[in-house]
PDB file of all heavy atoms in Angstrom:
ATOM      1  N   LEU A   1      33.172 -59.966 -48.932  1.00  0.00           N
ATOM      2  CA  LEU A   1      33.228 -60.653 -50.298  1.00  0.00           C
ATOM      3  C   LEU A   1      34.356 -59.762 -51.086  1.00  0.00           C
ATOM      4  O   LEU A   1      35.151 -60.413 -51.757  1.00  0.00           O
ATOM      5  CB  LEU A   1      31.883 -60.509 -50.981  1.00  0.00           C
ATOM      6  CG  LEU A   1      31.886 -61.054 -52.519  1.00  0.00           C
ATOM      7  CD1 LEU A   1      32.370 -62.479 -52.542  1.00  0.00           C
ATOM      8  CD2 LEU A   1      30.545 -60.907 -53.110  1.00  0.00           C
ATOM      9  N   HIS A   2      34.138 -58.589 -51.081  1.00  0.00           N
ATOM     10  CA  HIS A   2      35.032 -57.667 -51.900  1.00  0.00           C
ATOM     11  C   HIS A   2      36.458 -57.827 -51.420  1.00  0.00           C
ATOM     12  O   HIS A   2      37.360 -57.974 -52.231  1.00  0.00           O
ATOM     13  CB  HIS A   2      34.614 -56.256 -51.781  1.00  0.00           C
ATOM     14  CG  HIS A   2      35.390 -55.245 -52.572  1.00  0.00           C
ATOM     15  ND1 HIS A   2      36.506 -54.636 -52.150  1.00  0.00           N
ATOM     16  CD2 HIS A   2      35.215 -54.989 -53.919  1.00  0.00           C
ATOM     17  CE1 HIS A   2      36.973 -53.857 -53.241  1.00  0.00           C
ATOM     18  NE2 HIS A   2      36.225 -53.992 -54.295  1.00  0.00           N
ATOM     19  N   ASN A   3      36.771 -57.865 -50.072  1.00  0.00           N
ATOM     20  CA  ASN A   3      38.098 -58.095 -49.718  1.00  0.00           C
ATOM     21  C   ASN A   3      38.604 -59.457 -50.018  1.00  0.00           C
ATOM     22  O   ASN A   3      39.896 -59.585 -50.409  1.00  0.00           O
ATOM     23  CB  ASN A   3      38.129 -57.924 -48.072  1.00  0.00           C
ATOM     24  CG  ASN A   3      37.900 -56.456 -47.752  1.00  0.00           C
ATOM     25  OD1 ASN A   3      38.149 -55.513 -48.487  1.00  0.00           O
ATOM     26  ND2 ASN A   3      37.643 -56.194 -46.402  1.00  0.00           N
ATOM     27  N   GLU A   4      37.803 -60.453 -49.997  1.00  0.00           N
ATOM     28  CA  GLU A   4      38.366 -61.797 -50.340  1.00  0.00           C
ATOM     29  C   GLU A   4      38.735 -61.869 -51.892  1.00  0.00           C
ATOM     30  O   GLU A   4      39.610 -62.422 -52.233  1.00  0.00           O
ATOM     31  CB  GLU A   4      37.324 -62.878 -50.091  1.00  0.00           C
ATOM     32  CG  GLU A   4      37.687 -64.202 -50.285  1.00  0.00           C
ATOM     33  CD  GLU A   4      38.977 -64.823 -49.499  1.00  0.00           C
ATOM     34  OE1 GLU A   4      39.457 -64.127 -48.588  1.00  0.00           O
ATOM     35  OE2 GLU A   4      39.362 -65.921 -49.762  1.00  0.00           O
ATOM     36  N   LEU A   5      37.770 -61.289 -52.649  1.00  0.00           N
ATOM     37  CA  LEU A   5      38.031 -61.300 -54.096  1.00  0.00           C
ATOM     38  C   LEU A   5      39.296 -60.566 -54.412  1.00  0.00           C
ATOM     39  O   LEU A   5      40.259 -60.993 -55.129  1.00  0.00           O
ATOM     40  CB  LEU A   5      36.915 -60.651 -54.825  1.00  0.00           C
ATOM     41  CG  LEU A   5      35.687 -61.433 -55.049  1.00  0.00           C
ATOM     42  CD1 LEU A   5      34.550 -60.531 -55.474  1.00  0.00           C
ATOM     43  CD2 LEU A   5      35.832 -62.618 -56.007  1.00  0.00           C
ATOM     44  N   LYS A   6      39.533 -59.477 -53.729  1.00  0.00           N
ATOM     45  CA  LYS A   6      40.728 -58.637 -53.871  1.00  0.00           C
ATOM     46  C   LYS A   6      42.012 -59.371 -53.367  1.00  0.00           C
ATOM     47  O   LYS A   6      42.970 -59.428 -54.155  1.00  0.00           O
ATOM     48  CB  LYS A   6      40.676 -57.287 -53.133  1.00  0.00           C
ATOM     49  CG  LYS A   6      41.779 -56.399 -53.326  1.00  0.00           C
ATOM     50  CD  LYS A   6      41.444 -54.934 -52.802  1.00  0.00           C
ATOM     51  CE  LYS A   6      41.165 -54.924 -51.383  1.00  0.00           C
ATOM     52  NZ  LYS A   6      40.973 -53.647 -50.880  1.00  0.00           N
ATOM     53  N   ARG A   7      41.860 -60.024 -52.357  1.00  0.00           N
ATOM     54  CA  ARG A   7      43.045 -60.801 -51.752  1.00  0.00           C
ATOM     55  C   ARG A   7      43.358 -61.908 -52.737  1.00  0.00           C
ATOM     56  O   ARG A   7      44.674 -62.160 -53.158  1.00  0.00           O
ATOM     57  CB  ARG A   7      42.662 -61.471 -50.377  1.00  0.00           C
ATOM     58  CG  ARG A   7      43.714 -62.295 -49.743  1.00  0.00           C
ATOM     59  CD  ARG A   7      43.277 -63.123 -48.663  1.00  0.00           C
ATOM     60  NE  ARG A   7      42.361 -64.228 -49.021  1.00  0.00           N
ATOM     61  CZ  ARG A   7      42.986 -65.338 -49.462  1.00  0.00           C
ATOM     62  NH1 ARG A   7      44.222 -65.430 -49.673  1.00  0.00           N
ATOM     63  NH2 ARG A   7      42.141 -66.353 -49.790  1.00  0.00           N
ATOM     64  N   VAL A   8      42.502 -62.720 -53.288  1.00  0.00           N
ATOM     65  CA  VAL A   8      42.747 -63.827 -54.094  1.00  0.00           C
ATOM     66  C   VAL A   8      43.321 -63.268 -55.431  1.00  0.00           C
ATOM     67  O   VAL A   8      44.132 -63.997 -56.038  1.00  0.00           O
ATOM     68  CB  VAL A   8      41.404 -64.628 -54.282  1.00  0.00           C
ATOM     69  CG1 VAL A   8      41.714 -65.753 -55.397  1.00  0.00           C
ATOM     70  CG2 VAL A   8      41.013 -65.280 -52.961  1.00  0.00           C
ATOM     71  N   ALA A   9      42.662 -62.305 -55.923  1.00  0.00           N
ATOM     72  CA  ALA A   9      43.311 -61.716 -57.237  1.00  0.00           C
ATOM     73  C   ALA A   9      44.680 -61.239 -57.168  1.00  0.00           C
ATOM     74  O   ALA A   9      45.428 -61.409 -58.090  1.00  0.00           O
ATOM     75  CB  ALA A   9      42.315 -60.542 -57.716  1.00  0.00           C
ATOM     76  N   THR A  10      44.938 -60.649 -56.076  1.00  0.00           N
ATOM     77  CA  THR A  10      46.328 -60.023 -55.863  1.00  0.00           C
ATOM     78  C   THR A  10      47.442 -60.890 -55.170  1.00  0.00           C
ATOM     79  O   THR A  10      48.600 -60.413 -55.072  1.00  0.00           O
ATOM     80  CB  THR A  10      46.272 -58.628 -55.374  1.00  0.00           C
ATOM     81  OG1 THR A  10      45.673 -58.794 -54.000  1.00  0.00           O
ATOM     82  CG2 THR A  10      45.383 -57.862 -56.232  1.00  0.00           C
ATOM     83  N   ALA A  11      47.027 -62.048 -54.642  1.00  0.00           N
ATOM     84  CA  ALA A  11      47.826 -62.680 -53.623  1.00  0.00           C
ATOM     85  C   ALA A  11      49.136 -63.282 -54.409  1.00  0.00           C
ATOM     86  O   ALA A  11      49.048 -63.667 -55.501  1.00  0.00           O
ATOM     87  CB  ALA A  11      47.172 -63.874 -52.997  1.00  0.00           C
ATOM     88  N   ALA A  12      50.251 -63.182 -53.751  1.00  0.00           N
ATOM     89  CA  ALA A  12      51.452 -63.732 -54.317  1.00  0.00           C
ATOM     90  C   ALA A  12      51.306 -65.306 -54.602  1.00  0.00           C
ATOM     91  O   ALA A  12      51.963 -65.868 -55.586  1.00  0.00           O
ATOM     92  CB  ALA A  12      52.748 -63.483 -53.428  1.00  0.00           C
ATOM     93  N   THR A  13      50.541 -65.936 -53.717  1.00  0.00           N
ATOM     94  CA  THR A  13      50.408 -67.359 -53.881  1.00  0.00           C
ATOM     95  C   THR A  13      49.190 -67.595 -54.698  1.00  0.00           C
ATOM     96  O   THR A  13      48.356 -66.705 -55.018  1.00  0.00           O
ATOM     97  CB  THR A  13      50.168 -68.062 -52.545  1.00  0.00           C
ATOM     98  OG1 THR A  13      49.037 -67.500 -51.831  1.00  0.00           O
ATOM     99  CG2 THR A  13      51.405 -67.961 -51.702  1.00  0.00           C
ATOM    100  N   GLY A  14      48.971 -68.745 -55.328  1.00  0.00           N
ATOM    101  CA  GLY A  14      47.890 -69.099 -56.149  1.00  0.00           C
ATOM    102  C   GLY A  14      48.183 -69.265 -57.593  1.00  0.00           C
ATOM    103  O   GLY A  14      49.455 -69.164 -57.994  1.00  0.00           O
ATOM    104  N   LYS A  15      47.194 -69.758 -58.406  1.00  0.00           N
ATOM    105  CA  LYS A  15      47.506 -70.091 -59.673  1.00  0.00           C
ATOM    106  C   LYS A  15      47.773 -68.864 -60.621  1.00  0.00           C
ATOM    107  O   LYS A  15      46.919 -67.896 -60.512  1.00  0.00           O
ATOM    108  CB  LYS A  15      46.352 -70.925 -60.270  1.00  0.00           C
ATOM    109  CG  LYS A  15      46.606 -71.535 -61.651  1.00  0.00           C
ATOM    110  CD  LYS A  15      45.286 -72.468 -61.978  1.00  0.00           C
ATOM    111  CE  LYS A  15      45.624 -73.187 -63.385  1.00  0.00           C
ATOM    112  NZ  LYS A  15      44.399 -74.026 -63.673  1.00  0.00           N
ATOM    113  N   GLY A  16      48.798 -68.840 -61.455  1.00  0.00           N
ATOM    114  CA  GLY A  16      48.979 -67.771 -62.367  1.00  0.00           C
ATOM    115  C   GLY A  16      49.731 -66.533 -61.574  1.00  0.00           C
ATOM    116  O   GLY A  16      49.968 -66.610 -60.432  1.00  0.00           O
ATOM    117  N   SER A  17      49.861 -65.568 -62.386  1.00  0.00           N
ATOM    118  CA  SER A  17      50.687 -64.307 -61.842  1.00  0.00           C
ATOM    119  C   SER A  17      49.684 -63.310 -61.043  1.00  0.00           C
ATOM    120  O   SER A  17      48.493 -63.233 -61.678  1.00  0.00           O
ATOM    121  CB  SER A  17      51.247 -63.566 -62.954  1.00  0.00           C
ATOM    122  OG  SER A  17      52.158 -64.395 -63.780  1.00  0.00           O
ATOM    123  N   PRO A  18      50.026 -62.825 -59.948  1.00  0.00           N
ATOM    124  CA  PRO A  18      49.058 -61.934 -59.318  1.00  0.00           C
ATOM    125  C   PRO A  18      48.576 -60.785 -60.083  1.00  0.00           C
ATOM    126  O   PRO A  18      49.487 -60.211 -60.953  1.00  0.00           O
ATOM    127  CB  PRO A  18      49.932 -61.468 -58.130  1.00  0.00           C
ATOM    128  CG  PRO A  18      51.068 -62.532 -57.920  1.00  0.00           C
ATOM    129  CD  PRO A  18      51.365 -62.973 -59.330  1.00  0.00           C
ATOM    130  N   ALA A  19      47.353 -60.420 -59.952  1.00  0.00           N
ATOM    131  CA  ALA A  19      46.829 -59.206 -60.725  1.00  0.00           C
ATOM    132  C   ALA A  19      47.516 -58.095 -59.907  1.00  0.00           C
ATOM    133  O   ALA A  19      47.690 -58.008 -58.783  1.00  0.00           O
ATOM    134  CB  ALA A  19      45.329 -59.167 -60.597  1.00  0.00           C
ATOM    135  N   VAL A  20      47.753 -57.041 -60.807  1.00  0.00           N
ATOM    136  CA  VAL A  20      48.324 -55.739 -60.242  1.00  0.00           C
ATOM    137  C   VAL A  20      47.146 -54.761 -60.046  1.00  0.00           C
ATOM    138  O   VAL A  20      46.363 -54.561 -61.077  1.00  0.00           O
ATOM    139  CB  VAL A  20      49.379 -55.102 -61.265  1.00  0.00           C
ATOM    140  CG1 VAL A  20      49.848 -53.733 -60.612  1.00  0.00           C
ATOM    141  CG2 VAL A  20      50.514 -56.042 -61.301  1.00  0.00           C
ATOM    142  N   LEU A  21      46.948 -54.320 -58.882  1.00  0.00           N
ATOM    143  CA  LEU A  21      45.852 -53.236 -58.584  1.00  0.00           C
ATOM    144  C   LEU A  21      46.511 -51.848 -58.480  1.00  0.00           C
ATOM    145  O   LEU A  21      47.199 -51.595 -57.599  1.00  0.00           O
ATOM    146  CB  LEU A  21      45.165 -53.710 -57.238  1.00  0.00           C
ATOM    147  CG  LEU A  21      44.035 -52.745 -56.860  1.00  0.00           C
ATOM    148  CD1 LEU A  21      42.854 -52.546 -57.803  1.00  0.00           C
ATOM    149  CD2 LEU A  21      43.509 -53.314 -55.432  1.00  0.00           C
ATOM    150  N   LYS A  22      46.032 -50.971 -59.381  1.00  0.00           N
ATOM    151  CA  LYS A  22      46.353 -49.657 -59.339  1.00  0.00           C
ATOM    152  C   LYS A  22      45.198 -48.746 -58.869  1.00  0.00           C
ATOM    153  O   LYS A  22      44.293 -48.610 -59.664  1.00  0.00           O
ATOM    154  CB  LYS A  22      46.927 -49.099 -60.643  1.00  0.00           C
ATOM    155  CG  LYS A  22      48.123 -49.917 -61.204  1.00  0.00           C
ATOM    156  CD  LYS A  22      48.571 -49.335 -62.523  1.00  0.00           C
ATOM    157  CE  LYS A  22      49.844 -49.897 -62.969  1.00  0.00           C
ATOM    158  NZ  LYS A  22      51.023 -49.629 -62.139  1.00  0.00           N
ATOM    159  N   THR A  23      45.205 -48.177 -57.751  1.00  0.00           N
ATOM    160  CA  THR A  23      44.231 -47.350 -57.154  1.00  0.00           C
ATOM    161  C   THR A  23      44.407 -45.823 -57.512  1.00  0.00           C
ATOM    162  O   THR A  23      45.528 -45.518 -58.049  1.00  0.00           O
ATOM    163  CB  THR A  23      44.083 -47.469 -55.655  1.00  0.00           C
ATOM    164  OG1 THR A  23      45.316 -47.176 -55.033  1.00  0.00           O
ATOM    165  CG2 THR A  23      43.816 -48.912 -55.271  1.00  0.00           C
ATOM    166  N   SER A  24      43.422 -45.109 -57.298  1.00  0.00           N
ATOM    167  CA  SER A  24      43.493 -43.657 -57.620  1.00  0.00           C
ATOM    168  C   SER A  24      43.866 -43.529 -59.090  1.00  0.00           C
ATOM    169  O   SER A  24      44.615 -42.584 -59.562  1.00  0.00           O
ATOM    170  CB  SER A  24      44.519 -42.920 -56.750  1.00  0.00           C
ATOM    171  OG  SER A  24      44.184 -42.937 -55.390  1.00  0.00           O
ATOM    172  N   SER A  25      43.321 -44.317 -59.899  1.00  0.00           N
ATOM    173  CA  SER A  25      43.604 -44.338 -61.466  1.00  0.00           C
ATOM    174  C   SER A  25      42.323 -44.212 -62.153  1.00  0.00           C
ATOM    175  O   SER A  25      41.701 -45.191 -62.556  1.00  0.00           O
ATOM    176  CB  SER A  25      44.241 -45.583 -61.865  1.00  0.00           C
ATOM    177  OG  SER A  25      45.520 -45.720 -61.072  1.00  0.00           O
ATOM    178  N   CYS A  26      41.897 -42.928 -62.433  1.00  0.00           N
ATOM    179  CA  CYS A  26      40.614 -42.709 -63.087  1.00  0.00           C
ATOM    180  C   CYS A  26      40.797 -42.739 -64.513  1.00  0.00           C
ATOM    181  O   CYS A  26      41.666 -41.965 -65.201  1.00  0.00           O
ATOM    182  CB  CYS A  26      40.157 -41.288 -62.586  1.00  0.00           C
ATOM    183  SG  CYS A  26      38.464 -40.858 -63.336  1.00  0.00           S
ATOM    184  N   VAL A  27      40.062 -43.548 -65.179  1.00  0.00           N
ATOM    185  CA  VAL A  27      40.213 -43.759 -66.590  1.00  0.00           C
ATOM    186  C   VAL A  27      39.177 -42.726 -67.296  1.00  0.00           C
ATOM    187  O   VAL A  27      38.021 -42.625 -66.937  1.00  0.00           O
ATOM    188  CB  VAL A  27      39.764 -45.124 -67.123  1.00  0.00           C
ATOM    189  CG1 VAL A  27      39.754 -45.275 -68.648  1.00  0.00           C
ATOM    190  CG2 VAL A  27      40.724 -46.178 -66.561  1.00  0.00           C
ATOM    191  N   THR A  28      39.797 -41.955 -68.281  1.00  0.00           N
ATOM    192  CA  THR A  28      39.026 -40.930 -68.951  1.00  0.00           C
ATOM    193  C   THR A  28      38.731 -41.267 -70.346  1.00  0.00           C
ATOM    194  O   THR A  28      37.787 -40.721 -70.998  1.00  0.00           O
ATOM    195  CB  THR A  28      39.755 -39.539 -68.825  1.00  0.00           C
ATOM    196  OG1 THR A  28      40.966 -39.646 -69.430  1.00  0.00           O
ATOM    197  CG2 THR A  28      39.877 -39.121 -67.338  1.00  0.00           C
ATOM    198  N   ASP A  29      39.422 -42.201 -70.941  1.00  0.00           N
ATOM    199  CA  ASP A  29      39.364 -42.399 -72.400  1.00  0.00           C
ATOM    200  C   ASP A  29      39.737 -43.881 -72.805  1.00  0.00           C
ATOM    201  O   ASP A  29      40.640 -44.384 -72.030  1.00  0.00           O
ATOM    202  CB  ASP A  29      40.085 -41.466 -73.193  1.00  0.00           C
ATOM    203  CG  ASP A  29      39.767 -41.589 -74.703  1.00  0.00           C
ATOM    204  OD1 ASP A  29      38.544 -41.501 -75.145  1.00  0.00           O
ATOM    205  OD2 ASP A  29      40.687 -41.814 -75.495  1.00  0.00           O
ATOM    206  N   VAL A  30      39.114 -44.519 -73.720  1.00  0.00           N
ATOM    207  CA  VAL A  30      39.492 -45.824 -74.166  1.00  0.00           C
ATOM    208  C   VAL A  30      39.555 -45.933 -75.700  1.00  0.00           C
ATOM    209  O   VAL A  30      38.624 -45.388 -76.319  1.00  0.00           O
ATOM    210  CB  VAL A  30      38.376 -46.884 -73.615  1.00  0.00           C
ATOM    211  CG1 VAL A  30      38.700 -48.265 -74.162  1.00  0.00           C
ATOM    212  CG2 VAL A  30      38.312 -46.949 -72.201  1.00  0.00           C
ATOM    213  N   ASP A  31      40.653 -46.355 -76.150  1.00  0.00           N
ATOM    214  CA  ASP A  31      40.871 -46.544 -77.520  1.00  0.00           C
ATOM    215  C   ASP A  31      40.488 -48.111 -77.837  1.00  0.00           C
ATOM    216  O   ASP A  31      41.367 -48.889 -77.491  1.00  0.00           O
ATOM    217  CB  ASP A  31      42.179 -46.231 -78.203  1.00  0.00           C
ATOM    218  CG  ASP A  31      42.279 -46.147 -79.711  1.00  0.00           C
ATOM    219  OD1 ASP A  31      41.738 -47.162 -80.204  1.00  0.00           O
ATOM    220  OD2 ASP A  31      43.081 -45.353 -80.169  1.00  0.00           O
ATOM    221  N   THR A  32      39.312 -48.395 -78.472  1.00  0.00           N
ATOM    222  CA  THR A  32      39.054 -49.921 -78.414  1.00  0.00           C
ATOM    223  C   THR A  32      39.698 -50.507 -79.587  1.00  0.00           C
ATOM    224  O   THR A  32      39.844 -51.763 -79.492  1.00  0.00           O
ATOM    225  CB  THR A  32      37.524 -49.891 -78.824  1.00  0.00           C
ATOM    226  OG1 THR A  32      37.306 -49.282 -80.010  1.00  0.00           O
ATOM    227  CG2 THR A  32      36.659 -49.253 -77.636  1.00  0.00           C
ATOM    228  N   SER A  33      40.279 -49.759 -80.572  1.00  0.00           N
ATOM    229  CA  SER A  33      40.979 -50.489 -81.622  1.00  0.00           C
ATOM    230  C   SER A  33      42.517 -50.885 -81.167  1.00  0.00           C
ATOM    231  O   SER A  33      42.904 -51.885 -81.611  1.00  0.00           O
ATOM    232  CB  SER A  33      41.141 -49.548 -82.866  1.00  0.00           C
ATOM    233  OG  SER A  33      41.722 -48.362 -82.511  1.00  0.00           O
ATOM    234  N   THR A  34      43.182 -50.115 -80.429  1.00  0.00           N
ATOM    235  CA  THR A  34      44.477 -50.314 -80.048  1.00  0.00           C
ATOM    236  C   THR A  34      44.497 -50.864 -78.656  1.00  0.00           C
ATOM    237  O   THR A  34      45.553 -51.415 -78.212  1.00  0.00           O
ATOM    238  CB  THR A  34      45.233 -48.991 -79.962  1.00  0.00           C
ATOM    239  OG1 THR A  34      44.767 -48.101 -79.068  1.00  0.00           O
ATOM    240  CG2 THR A  34      45.308 -48.501 -81.320  1.00  0.00           C
ATOM    241  N   GLY A  35      43.262 -50.927 -77.836  1.00  0.00           N
ATOM    242  CA  GLY A  35      43.421 -51.502 -76.532  1.00  0.00           C
ATOM    243  C   GLY A  35      44.168 -50.602 -75.543  1.00  0.00           C
ATOM    244  O   GLY A  35      44.837 -51.140 -74.692  1.00  0.00           O
ATOM    245  N   THR A  36      43.936 -49.229 -75.686  1.00  0.00           N
ATOM    246  CA  THR A  36      44.644 -48.440 -74.840  1.00  0.00           C
ATOM    247  C   THR A  36      43.577 -47.540 -74.031  1.00  0.00           C
ATOM    248  O   THR A  36      42.626 -47.149 -74.485  1.00  0.00           O
ATOM    249  CB  THR A  36      45.506 -47.365 -75.851  1.00  0.00           C
ATOM    250  OG1 THR A  36      46.445 -48.184 -76.487  1.00  0.00           O
ATOM    251  CG2 THR A  36      46.226 -46.327 -74.966  1.00  0.00           C
ATOM    252  N   ILE A  37      44.009 -47.301 -72.706  1.00  0.00           N
ATOM    253  CA  ILE A  37      43.330 -46.462 -71.858  1.00  0.00           C
ATOM    254  C   ILE A  37      44.186 -45.332 -71.532  1.00  0.00           C
ATOM    255  O   ILE A  37      45.404 -45.374 -71.489  1.00  0.00           O
ATOM    256  CB  ILE A  37      42.836 -47.194 -70.578  1.00  0.00           C
ATOM    257  CG1 ILE A  37      44.011 -47.721 -69.786  1.00  0.00           C
ATOM    258  CG2 ILE A  37      41.880 -48.466 -70.917  1.00  0.00           C
ATOM    259  CD1 ILE A  37      43.710 -48.125 -68.431  1.00  0.00           C
ATOM    260  N   THR A  38      43.501 -44.226 -71.277  1.00  0.00           N
ATOM    261  CA  THR A  38      44.075 -43.035 -70.778  1.00  0.00           C
ATOM    262  C   THR A  38      43.498 -42.542 -69.441  1.00  0.00           C
ATOM    263  O   THR A  38      42.249 -42.557 -69.214  1.00  0.00           O
ATOM    264  CB  THR A  38      43.792 -41.761 -71.751  1.00  0.00           C
ATOM    265  OG1 THR A  38      44.321 -42.251 -73.140  1.00  0.00           O
ATOM    266  CG2 THR A  38      44.616 -40.573 -71.477  1.00  0.00           C
ATOM    267  N   LEU A  39      44.437 -42.221 -68.515  1.00  0.00           N
ATOM    268  CA  LEU A  39      44.094 -41.861 -67.214  1.00  0.00           C
ATOM    269  C   LEU A  39      43.978 -40.374 -67.066  1.00  0.00           C
ATOM    270  O   LEU A  39      44.270 -39.573 -68.020  1.00  0.00           O
ATOM    271  CB  LEU A  39      45.089 -42.349 -66.177  1.00  0.00           C
ATOM    272  CG  LEU A  39      45.349 -43.849 -66.103  1.00  0.00           C
ATOM    273  CD1 LEU A  39      46.351 -44.249 -64.904  1.00  0.00           C
ATOM    274  CD2 LEU A  39      44.070 -44.623 -66.068  1.00  0.00           C
ATOM    275  N   GLU A  40      43.379 -40.003 -65.928  1.00  0.00           N
ATOM    276  CA  GLU A  40      43.133 -38.551 -65.721  1.00  0.00           C
ATOM    277  C   GLU A  40      44.431 -37.712 -65.796  1.00  0.00           C
ATOM    278  O   GLU A  40      44.431 -36.571 -66.176  1.00  0.00           O
ATOM    279  CB  GLU A  40      42.428 -38.514 -64.254  1.00  0.00           C
ATOM    280  CG  GLU A  40      41.765 -37.029 -64.122  1.00  0.00           C
ATOM    281  CD  GLU A  40      40.933 -37.150 -62.862  1.00  0.00           C
ATOM    282  OE1 GLU A  40      41.301 -37.609 -61.932  1.00  0.00           O
ATOM    283  OE2 GLU A  40      39.731 -36.634 -62.862  1.00  0.00           O
ATOM    284  N   ASP A  41      45.546 -38.365 -65.452  1.00  0.00           N
ATOM    285  CA  ASP A  41      46.822 -37.594 -65.346  1.00  0.00           C
ATOM    286  C   ASP A  41      47.521 -37.656 -66.766  1.00  0.00           C
ATOM    287  O   ASP A  41      48.678 -37.093 -66.947  1.00  0.00           O
ATOM    288  CB  ASP A  41      47.807 -38.204 -64.272  1.00  0.00           C
ATOM    289  CG  ASP A  41      48.083 -39.598 -64.548  1.00  0.00           C
ATOM    290  OD1 ASP A  41      47.789 -40.197 -65.671  1.00  0.00           O
ATOM    291  OD2 ASP A  41      48.875 -40.234 -63.761  1.00  0.00           O
ATOM    292  N   GLY A  42      46.841 -38.345 -67.793  1.00  0.00           N
ATOM    293  CA  GLY A  42      47.409 -38.341 -69.183  1.00  0.00           C
ATOM    294  C   GLY A  42      48.235 -39.473 -69.358  1.00  0.00           C
ATOM    295  O   GLY A  42      48.547 -39.659 -70.713  1.00  0.00           O
ATOM    296  N   SER A  43      48.416 -40.188 -68.450  1.00  0.00           N
ATOM    297  CA  SER A  43      49.219 -41.462 -68.760  1.00  0.00           C
ATOM    298  C   SER A  43      48.374 -42.510 -69.459  1.00  0.00           C
ATOM    299  O   SER A  43      47.155 -42.482 -69.394  1.00  0.00           O
ATOM    300  CB  SER A  43      49.835 -42.084 -67.494  1.00  0.00           C
ATOM    301  OG  SER A  43      48.742 -42.478 -66.614  1.00  0.00           O
TER     302      SER A  43
END
């Protein structure tokens, strides 16, 4: 199930633009007012 969801979400074909999947991206902070996330590496 997980593989199929990932495939459909990120496939080049299908309705809309493919979702971009960024792995090894640990979120450490969220600013709810600006809609900003901060990753472990500071980005």
